[in-house]
């Protein structure tokens, strides 16, 4: 059965290999919410060719003894041969089935592509009109990627923003990213003094 082209999907795992002899597959997880997967029975398998087919999840669990890989078992996949045919495929769910995030948390896929606007560091003491150009946010560029400090390491994720001249790394912190509107694809930032100069020098 075909999948409507207007549907949006989120990749949650990439199948690495068969696991065991009952049709289970080991997969690299691409989600921070693996516990949500066991509650989602309807999934989709996406191949490099662009073909996507529906799949029903029979079971899912985390294999913590092998680097936290996910183990999927789909209905109708009952042997090693069946499982090997899934090697390299992406496991996807419908966009609207994603886990609900707490306030102030965002999906990386929602942040990439957002336009980033720089707000003035301080409101001007005297403004000639409510629409003074001095107060208008200036477009810095678009988010190309999000960098994380590393597993188990404290730190703030960094937005990698492609500007007209170079890449700017902006901490995804509330006091810097004052407004994140993933629906409008817009992020407003108030950069600390010297942040851009420091990166230009590097």
N, C-alpha and C. Protein backbone atom coordinates (compact mmCIF):
# COMPACT_ATOMS: atom_id res chain seq x y z
N UNK A 1 0.85 -1.19 0.00
CA UNK A 1 0.00 0.00 0.00
C UNK A 1 0.89 1.24 0.00
N UNK A 2 0.62 2.19 -0.85
CA UNK A 2 1.43 3.38 -0.96
C UNK A 2 1.23 4.32 0.21
N UNK A 3 2.19 5.20 0.40
CA UNK A 3 2.13 6.20 1.47
C UNK A 3 1.92 7.56 0.82
N UNK A 4 0.92 8.34 1.26
CA UNK A 4 0.68 9.66 0.66
C UNK A 4 1.94 10.52 0.69
N UNK A 5 2.24 11.15 -0.45
CA UNK A 5 3.48 11.92 -0.56
C UNK A 5 3.48 13.14 0.34
N UNK A 6 2.31 13.65 0.72
CA UNK A 6 2.27 14.86 1.54
C UNK A 6 2.54 14.58 3.01
N UNK A 7 2.59 13.30 3.37
CA UNK A 7 2.90 12.94 4.75
C UNK A 7 4.33 13.36 5.10
N UNK A 8 4.54 13.76 6.37
CA UNK A 8 5.88 14.07 6.84
C UNK A 8 6.31 12.99 7.82
N UNK A 9 7.59 12.59 7.74
CA UNK A 9 8.09 11.50 8.56
C UNK A 9 9.36 11.94 9.30
N UNK A 10 9.62 11.26 10.41
CA UNK A 10 10.82 11.51 11.21
C UNK A 10 11.59 10.20 11.33
N UNK A 11 12.87 10.24 11.02
CA UNK A 11 13.71 9.04 11.14
C UNK A 11 14.15 8.88 12.59
N UNK A 12 13.86 7.71 13.16
CA UNK A 12 14.17 7.46 14.57
C UNK A 12 15.29 6.42 14.75
N UNK A 13 15.62 5.68 13.69
CA UNK A 13 16.67 4.67 13.80
C UNK A 13 17.15 4.26 12.41
N UNK A 14 18.34 3.65 12.37
CA UNK A 14 18.87 3.12 11.11
C UNK A 14 19.28 1.66 11.36
N UNK A 15 18.72 0.76 10.59
CA UNK A 15 18.94 -0.66 10.80
C UNK A 15 20.35 -1.06 10.39
N UNK A 16 21.06 -1.74 11.30
CA UNK A 16 22.45 -2.12 11.07
C UNK A 16 22.59 -3.55 10.57
N UNK A 17 21.84 -4.47 11.18
CA UNK A 17 22.04 -5.89 10.85
C UNK A 17 20.94 -6.72 11.52
N UNK A 18 20.89 -7.99 11.11
CA UNK A 18 20.00 -8.93 11.78
C UNK A 18 20.55 -9.22 13.17
N UNK A 19 19.64 -9.53 14.10
CA UNK A 19 20.07 -9.88 15.45
C UNK A 19 19.30 -11.13 15.88
N UNK A 20 20.04 -12.18 16.18
CA UNK A 20 19.37 -13.43 16.53
C UNK A 20 18.82 -14.12 15.29
N UNK A 21 17.96 -15.11 15.50
CA UNK A 21 17.45 -15.89 14.36
C UNK A 21 15.93 -15.85 14.24
N UNK A 22 15.29 -14.85 14.90
CA UNK A 22 13.83 -14.78 14.89
C UNK A 22 13.29 -13.59 14.09
N UNK A 23 14.20 -12.90 13.38
CA UNK A 23 13.76 -11.77 12.57
C UNK A 23 13.99 -10.41 13.21
N UNK A 24 14.61 -10.39 14.39
CA UNK A 24 14.89 -9.11 15.03
C UNK A 24 16.07 -8.41 14.33
N UNK A 25 16.08 -7.08 14.41
CA UNK A 25 17.19 -6.32 13.83
C UNK A 25 17.75 -5.37 14.88
N UNK A 26 19.08 -5.18 14.84
CA UNK A 26 19.73 -4.20 15.69
C UNK A 26 19.82 -2.89 14.90
N UNK A 27 19.59 -1.77 15.59
CA UNK A 27 19.56 -0.48 14.90
C UNK A 27 20.24 0.60 15.72
N UNK A 28 20.86 1.54 15.01
CA UNK A 28 21.40 2.74 15.63
C UNK A 28 20.25 3.69 15.89
N UNK A 29 20.09 4.13 17.14
CA UNK A 29 18.97 5.00 17.48
C UNK A 29 19.31 6.45 17.16
N UNK A 30 18.37 7.15 16.56
CA UNK A 30 18.52 8.56 16.18
C UNK A 30 17.48 9.41 16.90
N UNK A 31 17.10 8.99 18.09
CA UNK A 31 16.13 9.73 18.89
C UNK A 31 16.60 9.76 20.34
N UNK A 32 16.28 10.83 21.03
CA UNK A 32 16.58 10.92 22.46
C UNK A 32 15.47 10.31 23.31
N UNK A 33 14.45 9.79 22.67
CA UNK A 33 13.30 9.27 23.40
C UNK A 33 12.98 7.84 22.96
N UNK A 34 13.92 6.91 23.15
CA UNK A 34 13.68 5.53 22.69
C UNK A 34 12.49 4.87 23.40
N UNK A 35 12.21 5.30 24.63
CA UNK A 35 11.08 4.70 25.34
C UNK A 35 9.76 4.97 24.64
N UNK A 36 9.72 6.01 23.84
CA UNK A 36 8.50 6.35 23.10
C UNK A 36 8.23 5.36 21.98
N UNK A 37 9.28 4.70 21.49
CA UNK A 37 9.13 3.83 20.32
C UNK A 37 8.27 2.60 20.61
N UNK A 38 8.38 2.07 21.82
CA UNK A 38 7.61 0.86 22.13
C UNK A 38 6.11 1.14 22.16
N UNK A 39 5.74 2.43 22.25
CA UNK A 39 4.32 2.80 22.27
C UNK A 39 3.79 3.10 20.87
N UNK A 40 4.67 3.04 19.86
CA UNK A 40 4.30 3.39 18.50
C UNK A 40 4.31 2.13 17.64
N UNK A 41 3.15 1.58 17.37
CA UNK A 41 3.08 0.32 16.62
C UNK A 41 3.22 0.53 15.11
N UNK A 42 2.70 1.66 14.61
CA UNK A 42 2.76 1.93 13.17
C UNK A 42 4.07 2.63 12.84
N UNK A 43 4.90 1.97 12.03
CA UNK A 43 6.17 2.56 11.62
C UNK A 43 6.32 2.41 10.11
N UNK A 44 7.42 2.97 9.60
CA UNK A 44 7.68 2.91 8.15
C UNK A 44 9.15 2.59 7.94
N UNK A 45 9.43 1.81 6.92
CA UNK A 45 10.80 1.46 6.56
C UNK A 45 11.15 2.18 5.26
N UNK A 46 12.21 2.97 5.31
CA UNK A 46 12.58 3.83 4.18
C UNK A 46 13.93 3.37 3.63
N UNK A 47 13.97 3.04 2.34
CA UNK A 47 15.19 2.56 1.70
C UNK A 47 15.90 3.70 0.97
N UNK A 48 17.18 3.49 0.67
CA UNK A 48 17.98 4.50 -0.04
C UNK A 48 17.39 4.84 -1.40
N UNK A 49 16.67 3.89 -1.98
CA UNK A 49 16.05 4.11 -3.29
C UNK A 49 14.92 5.12 -3.24
N UNK A 50 14.48 5.46 -2.02
CA UNK A 50 13.35 6.37 -1.86
C UNK A 50 12.04 5.66 -1.61
N UNK A 51 12.07 4.32 -1.66
CA UNK A 51 10.84 3.55 -1.40
C UNK A 51 10.56 3.52 0.10
N UNK A 52 9.30 3.68 0.44
CA UNK A 52 8.89 3.66 1.84
C UNK A 52 7.70 2.71 1.97
N UNK A 53 7.76 1.83 2.96
CA UNK A 53 6.63 0.93 3.16
C UNK A 53 6.25 0.88 4.63
N UNK A 54 4.98 0.65 4.86
CA UNK A 54 4.47 0.58 6.23
C UNK A 54 4.94 -0.70 6.90
N UNK A 55 5.14 -0.64 8.21
CA UNK A 55 5.53 -1.81 8.99
C UNK A 55 4.85 -1.72 10.35
N UNK A 56 4.51 -2.88 10.89
CA UNK A 56 3.88 -2.93 12.20
C UNK A 56 4.90 -3.47 13.20
N UNK A 57 5.11 -2.72 14.28
CA UNK A 57 6.09 -3.11 15.29
C UNK A 57 5.51 -4.18 16.20
N UNK A 58 6.21 -5.30 16.28
CA UNK A 58 5.80 -6.36 17.20
C UNK A 58 6.38 -6.10 18.58
N UNK A 59 7.67 -5.73 18.62
CA UNK A 59 8.30 -5.41 19.90
C UNK A 59 9.53 -4.55 19.67
N UNK A 60 9.92 -3.83 20.72
CA UNK A 60 11.12 -2.99 20.70
C UNK A 60 11.73 -2.99 22.09
N UNK A 61 13.06 -3.05 22.15
CA UNK A 61 13.74 -2.92 23.43
C UNK A 61 15.16 -2.42 23.23
N UNK A 62 15.76 -1.91 24.30
CA UNK A 62 17.12 -1.40 24.26
C UNK A 62 18.09 -2.48 24.67
N UNK A 63 19.14 -2.68 23.88
CA UNK A 63 20.19 -3.64 24.19
C UNK A 63 21.34 -2.86 24.83
N UNK A 64 21.29 -2.69 26.13
CA UNK A 64 22.29 -1.87 26.81
C UNK A 64 23.66 -2.54 26.88
N UNK A 65 23.73 -3.83 26.61
CA UNK A 65 25.02 -4.53 26.64
C UNK A 65 25.82 -4.32 25.36
N UNK A 66 25.19 -3.76 24.34
CA UNK A 66 25.88 -3.52 23.06
C UNK A 66 25.76 -2.05 22.65
N UNK A 67 26.17 -1.18 23.56
CA UNK A 67 26.23 0.25 23.24
C UNK A 67 24.88 0.92 23.10
N UNK A 68 23.86 0.36 23.72
CA UNK A 68 22.56 1.02 23.70
C UNK A 68 21.86 0.97 22.36
N UNK A 69 22.14 -0.07 21.56
CA UNK A 69 21.44 -0.22 20.29
C UNK A 69 19.97 -0.57 20.53
N UNK A 70 19.13 -0.21 19.59
CA UNK A 70 17.73 -0.59 19.66
C UNK A 70 17.50 -1.89 18.93
N UNK A 71 16.61 -2.70 19.45
CA UNK A 71 16.27 -3.96 18.80
C UNK A 71 14.79 -3.90 18.40
N UNK A 72 14.54 -4.00 17.10
CA UNK A 72 13.18 -3.95 16.56
C UNK A 72 12.79 -5.33 16.06
N UNK A 73 11.53 -5.67 16.25
CA UNK A 73 10.98 -6.89 15.65
C UNK A 73 9.66 -6.51 15.00
N UNK A 74 9.61 -6.61 13.67
CA UNK A 74 8.43 -6.21 12.92
C UNK A 74 7.59 -7.43 12.56
N UNK A 75 6.29 -7.21 12.50
CA UNK A 75 5.36 -8.27 12.09
C UNK A 75 5.71 -8.72 10.67
N UNK A 76 5.79 -10.04 10.47
CA UNK A 76 6.09 -10.58 9.15
C UNK A 76 7.56 -10.75 8.87
N UNK A 77 8.41 -10.32 9.80
CA UNK A 77 9.86 -10.51 9.67
C UNK A 77 10.24 -11.58 10.68
N UNK A 78 10.40 -12.82 10.22
CA UNK A 78 10.49 -13.95 11.14
C UNK A 78 11.75 -14.79 11.01
N UNK A 79 12.70 -14.35 10.19
CA UNK A 79 13.92 -15.14 10.01
C UNK A 79 15.11 -14.21 9.80
N UNK A 80 16.31 -14.80 9.85
CA UNK A 80 17.52 -14.01 9.59
C UNK A 80 17.48 -13.43 8.19
N UNK A 81 17.04 -14.21 7.22
CA UNK A 81 16.97 -13.73 5.83
C UNK A 81 16.03 -12.54 5.71
N UNK A 82 14.87 -12.64 6.36
CA UNK A 82 13.92 -11.52 6.34
C UNK A 82 14.57 -10.27 6.95
N UNK A 83 15.26 -10.47 8.07
CA UNK A 83 15.88 -9.35 8.77
C UNK A 83 16.99 -8.72 7.95
N UNK A 84 17.79 -9.55 7.27
CA UNK A 84 18.90 -9.03 6.48
C UNK A 84 18.42 -8.15 5.32
N UNK A 85 17.22 -8.40 4.85
CA UNK A 85 16.68 -7.56 3.76
C UNK A 85 16.42 -6.13 4.23
N UNK A 86 16.36 -5.94 5.54
CA UNK A 86 16.09 -4.60 6.08
C UNK A 86 17.37 -3.83 6.38
N UNK A 87 18.51 -4.46 6.22
CA UNK A 87 19.79 -3.81 6.53
C UNK A 87 19.92 -2.48 5.78
N UNK A 88 20.32 -1.43 6.49
CA UNK A 88 20.53 -0.12 5.88
C UNK A 88 19.29 0.75 5.76
N UNK A 89 18.12 0.19 6.06
CA UNK A 89 16.89 0.97 5.97
C UNK A 89 16.73 1.88 7.19
N UNK A 90 16.04 3.00 6.99
CA UNK A 90 15.69 3.90 8.10
C UNK A 90 14.34 3.49 8.67
N UNK A 91 14.25 3.54 9.99
CA UNK A 91 12.96 3.33 10.66
C UNK A 91 12.36 4.71 10.91
N UNK A 92 11.15 4.92 10.43
CA UNK A 92 10.52 6.23 10.54
C UNK A 92 9.14 6.12 11.21
N UNK A 93 8.73 7.25 11.79
CA UNK A 93 7.37 7.37 12.30
C UNK A 93 6.75 8.63 11.70
N UNK A 94 5.44 8.72 11.78
CA UNK A 94 4.78 9.93 11.28
C UNK A 94 5.21 11.13 12.11
N UNK A 95 5.31 12.28 11.46
CA UNK A 95 5.74 13.51 12.10
C UNK A 95 4.93 13.79 13.36
N UNK A 96 3.62 13.59 13.29
CA UNK A 96 2.75 13.93 14.42
C UNK A 96 2.84 12.92 15.56
N UNK A 97 3.56 11.81 15.35
CA UNK A 97 3.71 10.80 16.40
C UNK A 97 4.96 11.00 17.24
N UNK A 98 5.69 12.08 16.99
CA UNK A 98 6.91 12.33 17.76
C UNK A 98 6.58 12.50 19.24
N UNK A 99 7.59 12.26 20.07
CA UNK A 99 7.41 12.47 21.51
C UNK A 99 7.15 13.95 21.78
N UNK A 100 6.38 14.23 22.81
CA UNK A 100 6.11 15.61 23.22
C UNK A 100 7.27 16.09 24.08
N UNK A 101 7.87 17.20 23.68
CA UNK A 101 9.04 17.71 24.39
C UNK A 101 8.64 18.65 25.51
N UNK A 102 9.44 18.71 26.58
CA UNK A 102 9.19 19.71 27.63
C UNK A 102 9.48 21.10 27.11
N UNK A 103 8.91 22.15 27.73
CA UNK A 103 9.17 23.52 27.29
C UNK A 103 10.67 23.82 27.26
N UNK A 104 11.11 24.52 26.22
CA UNK A 104 12.52 24.88 26.10
C UNK A 104 13.37 23.83 25.43
N UNK A 105 12.77 22.68 25.04
CA UNK A 105 13.49 21.64 24.32
C UNK A 105 12.97 21.58 22.89
N UNK A 106 13.86 21.21 21.96
CA UNK A 106 13.49 21.24 20.55
C UNK A 106 14.07 20.03 19.83
N UNK A 107 13.40 19.61 18.77
CA UNK A 107 13.96 18.59 17.89
C UNK A 107 14.98 19.26 16.98
N UNK A 108 16.12 18.60 16.78
CA UNK A 108 17.17 19.14 15.92
C UNK A 108 16.61 19.41 14.52
N UNK A 109 15.78 18.49 14.02
CA UNK A 109 15.24 18.66 12.66
C UNK A 109 14.37 19.90 12.55
N UNK A 110 13.79 20.35 13.68
CA UNK A 110 12.99 21.56 13.65
C UNK A 110 13.86 22.82 13.64
N UNK A 111 15.05 22.72 14.21
CA UNK A 111 15.93 23.88 14.29
C UNK A 111 16.70 24.11 12.99
N UNK A 112 17.10 23.02 12.32
CA UNK A 112 17.88 23.16 11.08
C UNK A 112 17.03 23.84 10.00
N UNK A 113 17.60 24.87 9.40
CA UNK A 113 16.90 25.62 8.37
C UNK A 113 16.21 26.87 8.88
N UNK A 114 16.11 27.02 10.20
CA UNK A 114 15.48 28.23 10.75
C UNK A 114 16.34 29.46 10.43
N UNK A 115 15.68 30.58 10.18
CA UNK A 115 16.38 31.85 9.99
C UNK A 115 16.70 32.45 11.36
N UNK A 116 17.92 32.94 11.52
CA UNK A 116 18.36 33.50 12.80
C UNK A 116 18.52 35.01 12.65
N UNK A 117 17.84 35.74 13.53
CA UNK A 117 17.86 37.20 13.51
C UNK A 117 18.51 37.71 14.78
N UNK A 118 19.40 38.69 14.62
CA UNK A 118 20.09 39.27 15.78
C UNK A 118 19.34 40.51 16.26
N UNK A 119 19.01 40.52 17.54
CA UNK A 119 18.38 41.67 18.17
C UNK A 119 19.46 42.62 18.66
N UNK A 120 19.14 43.92 18.76
CA UNK A 120 20.13 44.85 19.34
C UNK A 120 20.40 44.47 20.79
N UNK A 121 21.63 44.70 21.25
CA UNK A 121 21.99 44.28 22.61
C UNK A 121 21.23 45.07 23.66
N UNK A 122 20.95 46.32 23.37
CA UNK A 122 20.18 47.14 24.32
C UNK A 122 19.33 48.10 23.52
N UNK A 123 18.14 48.39 24.02
CA UNK A 123 17.26 49.32 23.33
C UNK A 123 17.89 50.70 23.33
N UNK A 124 17.81 51.43 22.24
CA UNK A 124 18.39 52.78 22.20
C UNK A 124 17.71 53.69 23.21
N UNK A 125 18.49 54.62 23.78
CA UNK A 125 17.97 55.51 24.82
C UNK A 125 16.87 56.40 24.27
N UNK A 126 17.02 56.87 23.03
CA UNK A 126 16.01 57.72 22.41
C UNK A 126 15.65 57.11 21.06
N UNK A 127 14.37 56.94 20.84
CA UNK A 127 13.93 56.38 19.58
C UNK A 127 13.04 57.39 18.88
N UNK A 128 13.35 57.66 17.62
CA UNK A 128 12.58 58.67 16.89
C UNK A 128 11.18 58.17 16.55
N UNK A 129 11.02 56.86 16.45
CA UNK A 129 9.70 56.32 16.14
C UNK A 129 9.64 54.88 16.64
N UNK A 130 8.44 54.35 16.80
CA UNK A 130 8.32 52.96 17.27
C UNK A 130 8.94 51.96 16.30
N UNK A 131 9.14 52.37 15.04
CA UNK A 131 9.69 51.46 14.04
C UNK A 131 11.12 51.83 13.68
N UNK A 132 11.85 52.37 14.64
CA UNK A 132 13.23 52.77 14.38
C UNK A 132 14.03 51.60 13.86
N UNK A 133 14.83 51.82 12.81
CA UNK A 133 15.63 50.76 12.22
C UNK A 133 16.67 50.24 13.21
N UNK A 134 17.04 51.07 14.20
CA UNK A 134 18.03 50.64 15.18
C UNK A 134 17.51 49.46 15.99
N UNK A 135 16.18 49.31 16.08
CA UNK A 135 15.61 48.25 16.88
C UNK A 135 15.24 47.02 16.04
N UNK A 136 15.35 47.12 14.73
CA UNK A 136 14.92 46.02 13.88
C UNK A 136 15.95 44.90 13.92
N UNK A 137 15.49 43.65 14.07
CA UNK A 137 16.43 42.53 14.06
C UNK A 137 17.07 42.39 12.68
N UNK A 138 18.36 42.04 12.66
CA UNK A 138 19.07 41.83 11.41
C UNK A 138 19.26 40.34 11.16
N UNK A 139 19.09 39.91 9.91
CA UNK A 139 19.25 38.50 9.57
C UNK A 139 20.73 38.10 9.62
N UNK A 140 21.03 37.10 10.48
CA UNK A 140 22.39 36.59 10.57
C UNK A 140 22.64 35.48 9.55
N UNK A 141 21.66 34.60 9.38
CA UNK A 141 21.81 33.47 8.47
C UNK A 141 20.85 32.37 8.85
N UNK A 142 21.14 31.16 8.41
CA UNK A 142 20.27 30.02 8.67
C UNK A 142 21.02 28.93 9.43
N UNK A 143 20.28 28.21 10.28
CA UNK A 143 20.88 27.12 11.04
C UNK A 143 21.20 25.96 10.09
N UNK A 144 22.48 25.58 10.04
CA UNK A 144 22.92 24.48 9.20
C UNK A 144 23.01 23.17 9.97
N UNK A 145 23.36 23.28 11.27
CA UNK A 145 23.52 22.07 12.08
C UNK A 145 23.44 22.46 13.55
N UNK A 146 23.37 21.44 14.40
CA UNK A 146 23.38 21.65 15.85
C UNK A 146 24.47 20.75 16.42
N UNK A 147 25.42 21.35 17.16
CA UNK A 147 26.52 20.59 17.74
C UNK A 147 26.24 20.37 19.23
N UNK A 148 26.54 19.16 19.69
CA UNK A 148 26.33 18.82 21.10
C UNK A 148 27.67 18.59 21.77
N UNK A 149 27.75 18.83 23.09
CA UNK A 149 29.04 18.71 23.78
C UNK A 149 29.57 17.29 23.84
N UNK A 150 28.74 16.30 23.65
CA UNK A 150 29.18 14.91 23.72
C UNK A 150 28.46 14.17 24.82
N UNK A 151 28.31 12.89 24.62
CA UNK A 151 27.55 12.07 25.56
C UNK A 151 28.17 12.13 26.95
N UNK A 152 27.34 12.47 27.94
CA UNK A 152 27.80 12.50 29.33
C UNK A 152 28.56 13.75 29.70
N UNK A 153 28.75 14.68 28.74
CA UNK A 153 29.50 15.90 29.02
C UNK A 153 28.54 17.06 29.24
N UNK A 154 28.77 17.87 30.28
CA UNK A 154 27.91 19.03 30.49
C UNK A 154 28.19 20.08 29.43
N UNK A 155 27.21 20.89 29.16
CA UNK A 155 27.42 21.95 28.18
C UNK A 155 26.14 22.28 27.44
N UNK A 156 26.19 23.36 26.69
CA UNK A 156 25.03 23.84 25.95
C UNK A 156 25.20 23.51 24.47
N UNK A 157 24.16 22.98 23.82
CA UNK A 157 24.26 22.76 22.37
C UNK A 157 24.56 24.06 21.64
N UNK A 158 25.22 23.96 20.51
CA UNK A 158 25.57 25.14 19.70
C UNK A 158 24.84 25.08 18.37
N UNK A 159 24.22 26.21 18.00
CA UNK A 159 23.63 26.33 16.68
C UNK A 159 24.73 26.75 15.71
N UNK A 160 24.94 25.98 14.65
CA UNK A 160 25.90 26.35 13.61
C UNK A 160 25.13 27.13 12.55
N UNK A 161 25.39 28.43 12.49
CA UNK A 161 24.63 29.32 11.61
C UNK A 161 25.52 29.76 10.45
N UNK A 162 25.06 29.50 9.23
CA UNK A 162 25.78 29.95 8.04
C UNK A 162 25.41 31.40 7.77
N UNK A 163 26.36 32.30 7.99
CA UNK A 163 26.12 33.72 7.68
C UNK A 163 26.72 34.00 6.30
N UNK A 164 26.64 35.26 5.89
CA UNK A 164 27.12 35.63 4.55
C UNK A 164 28.61 35.39 4.40
N UNK A 165 29.37 35.54 5.49
CA UNK A 165 30.83 35.47 5.38
C UNK A 165 31.45 34.25 6.03
N UNK A 166 30.82 33.71 7.08
CA UNK A 166 31.43 32.58 7.79
C UNK A 166 30.39 31.92 8.69
N UNK A 167 30.80 30.82 9.31
CA UNK A 167 29.92 30.13 10.24
C UNK A 167 29.99 30.77 11.62
N UNK A 168 28.83 30.97 12.25
CA UNK A 168 28.76 31.50 13.61
C UNK A 168 28.19 30.42 14.51
N UNK A 169 28.85 30.16 15.63
CA UNK A 169 28.36 29.19 16.61
C UNK A 169 27.67 29.94 17.74
N UNK A 170 26.40 29.66 17.92
CA UNK A 170 25.59 30.38 18.91
C UNK A 170 25.06 29.40 19.94
N UNK A 171 25.37 29.59 21.22
CA UNK A 171 24.84 28.70 22.27
C UNK A 171 23.32 28.73 22.30
N UNK A 172 22.72 27.54 22.38
CA UNK A 172 21.27 27.44 22.47
C UNK A 172 20.87 27.60 23.93
N UNK A 173 21.02 28.83 24.41
CA UNK A 173 20.71 29.16 25.80
C UNK A 173 19.61 30.22 25.82
N UNK A 174 18.77 30.17 26.87
CA UNK A 174 17.60 31.05 26.91
C UNK A 174 17.99 32.52 26.92
N UNK A 175 19.11 32.87 27.57
CA UNK A 175 19.48 34.29 27.64
C UNK A 175 20.08 34.79 26.32
N UNK A 176 20.42 33.88 25.41
CA UNK A 176 20.96 34.27 24.10
C UNK A 176 19.90 34.08 23.02
N UNK A 177 19.32 32.89 22.96
CA UNK A 177 18.22 32.63 22.02
C UNK A 177 16.91 33.02 22.71
N UNK A 178 16.55 34.28 22.57
CA UNK A 178 15.43 34.81 23.34
C UNK A 178 14.07 34.36 22.80
N UNK A 179 14.03 33.96 21.54
CA UNK A 179 12.78 33.47 20.95
C UNK A 179 13.08 32.39 19.93
N UNK A 180 12.47 31.22 20.13
CA UNK A 180 12.62 30.12 19.18
C UNK A 180 11.22 29.73 18.73
N UNK A 181 10.91 30.02 17.48
CA UNK A 181 9.59 29.73 16.91
C UNK A 181 9.78 28.77 15.74
N UNK A 182 9.68 27.47 16.03
CA UNK A 182 9.96 26.47 14.99
C UNK A 182 8.85 26.44 13.95
N UNK A 183 7.65 26.89 14.31
CA UNK A 183 6.55 26.93 13.34
C UNK A 183 6.81 28.02 12.31
N UNK A 184 7.25 29.19 12.78
CA UNK A 184 7.57 30.30 11.88
C UNK A 184 8.97 30.17 11.29
N UNK A 185 9.72 29.14 11.75
CA UNK A 185 11.10 28.91 11.27
C UNK A 185 11.99 30.12 11.57
N UNK A 186 11.86 30.67 12.78
CA UNK A 186 12.55 31.91 13.14
C UNK A 186 13.14 31.79 14.55
N UNK A 187 14.40 32.19 14.68
CA UNK A 187 15.07 32.25 15.98
C UNK A 187 15.63 33.66 16.15
N UNK A 188 15.34 34.28 17.29
CA UNK A 188 15.86 35.61 17.57
C UNK A 188 16.90 35.49 18.68
N UNK A 189 18.06 36.10 18.44
CA UNK A 189 19.16 35.98 19.39
C UNK A 189 19.66 37.36 19.81
N UNK A 190 20.18 37.42 21.02
CA UNK A 190 20.87 38.61 21.50
C UNK A 190 22.28 38.16 21.87
N UNK A 191 23.23 38.42 20.97
CA UNK A 191 24.58 37.89 21.14
C UNK A 191 25.36 38.68 22.19
N UNK A 192 26.11 37.98 23.04
CA UNK A 192 26.98 38.66 24.01
C UNK A 192 28.02 39.49 23.28
N UNK A 193 28.44 40.57 23.90
CA UNK A 193 29.44 41.43 23.29
C UNK A 193 30.71 40.62 23.01
N UNK A 194 31.22 40.75 21.80
CA UNK A 194 32.48 40.11 21.44
C UNK A 194 32.37 38.69 20.92
N UNK A 195 31.17 38.10 20.95
CA UNK A 195 31.05 36.70 20.51
C UNK A 195 31.45 36.54 19.05
N UNK A 196 30.93 37.42 18.20
CA UNK A 196 31.26 37.31 16.78
C UNK A 196 32.72 37.66 16.51
N UNK A 197 33.22 38.68 17.22
CA UNK A 197 34.62 39.09 17.03
C UNK A 197 35.55 37.97 17.41
N UNK A 198 35.22 37.26 18.49
CA UNK A 198 36.05 36.15 18.97
C UNK A 198 36.10 35.04 17.91
N UNK A 199 34.95 34.74 17.30
CA UNK A 199 34.90 33.67 16.30
C UNK A 199 35.56 34.09 15.00
N UNK A 200 35.45 35.39 14.66
CA UNK A 200 36.12 35.89 13.46
C UNK A 200 37.64 35.77 13.62
N UNK A 201 38.11 36.01 14.85
CA UNK A 201 39.54 35.96 15.09
C UNK A 201 40.04 34.52 15.01
N UNK A 202 39.13 33.55 15.38
CA UNK A 202 39.54 32.14 15.32
C UNK A 202 39.56 31.64 13.92
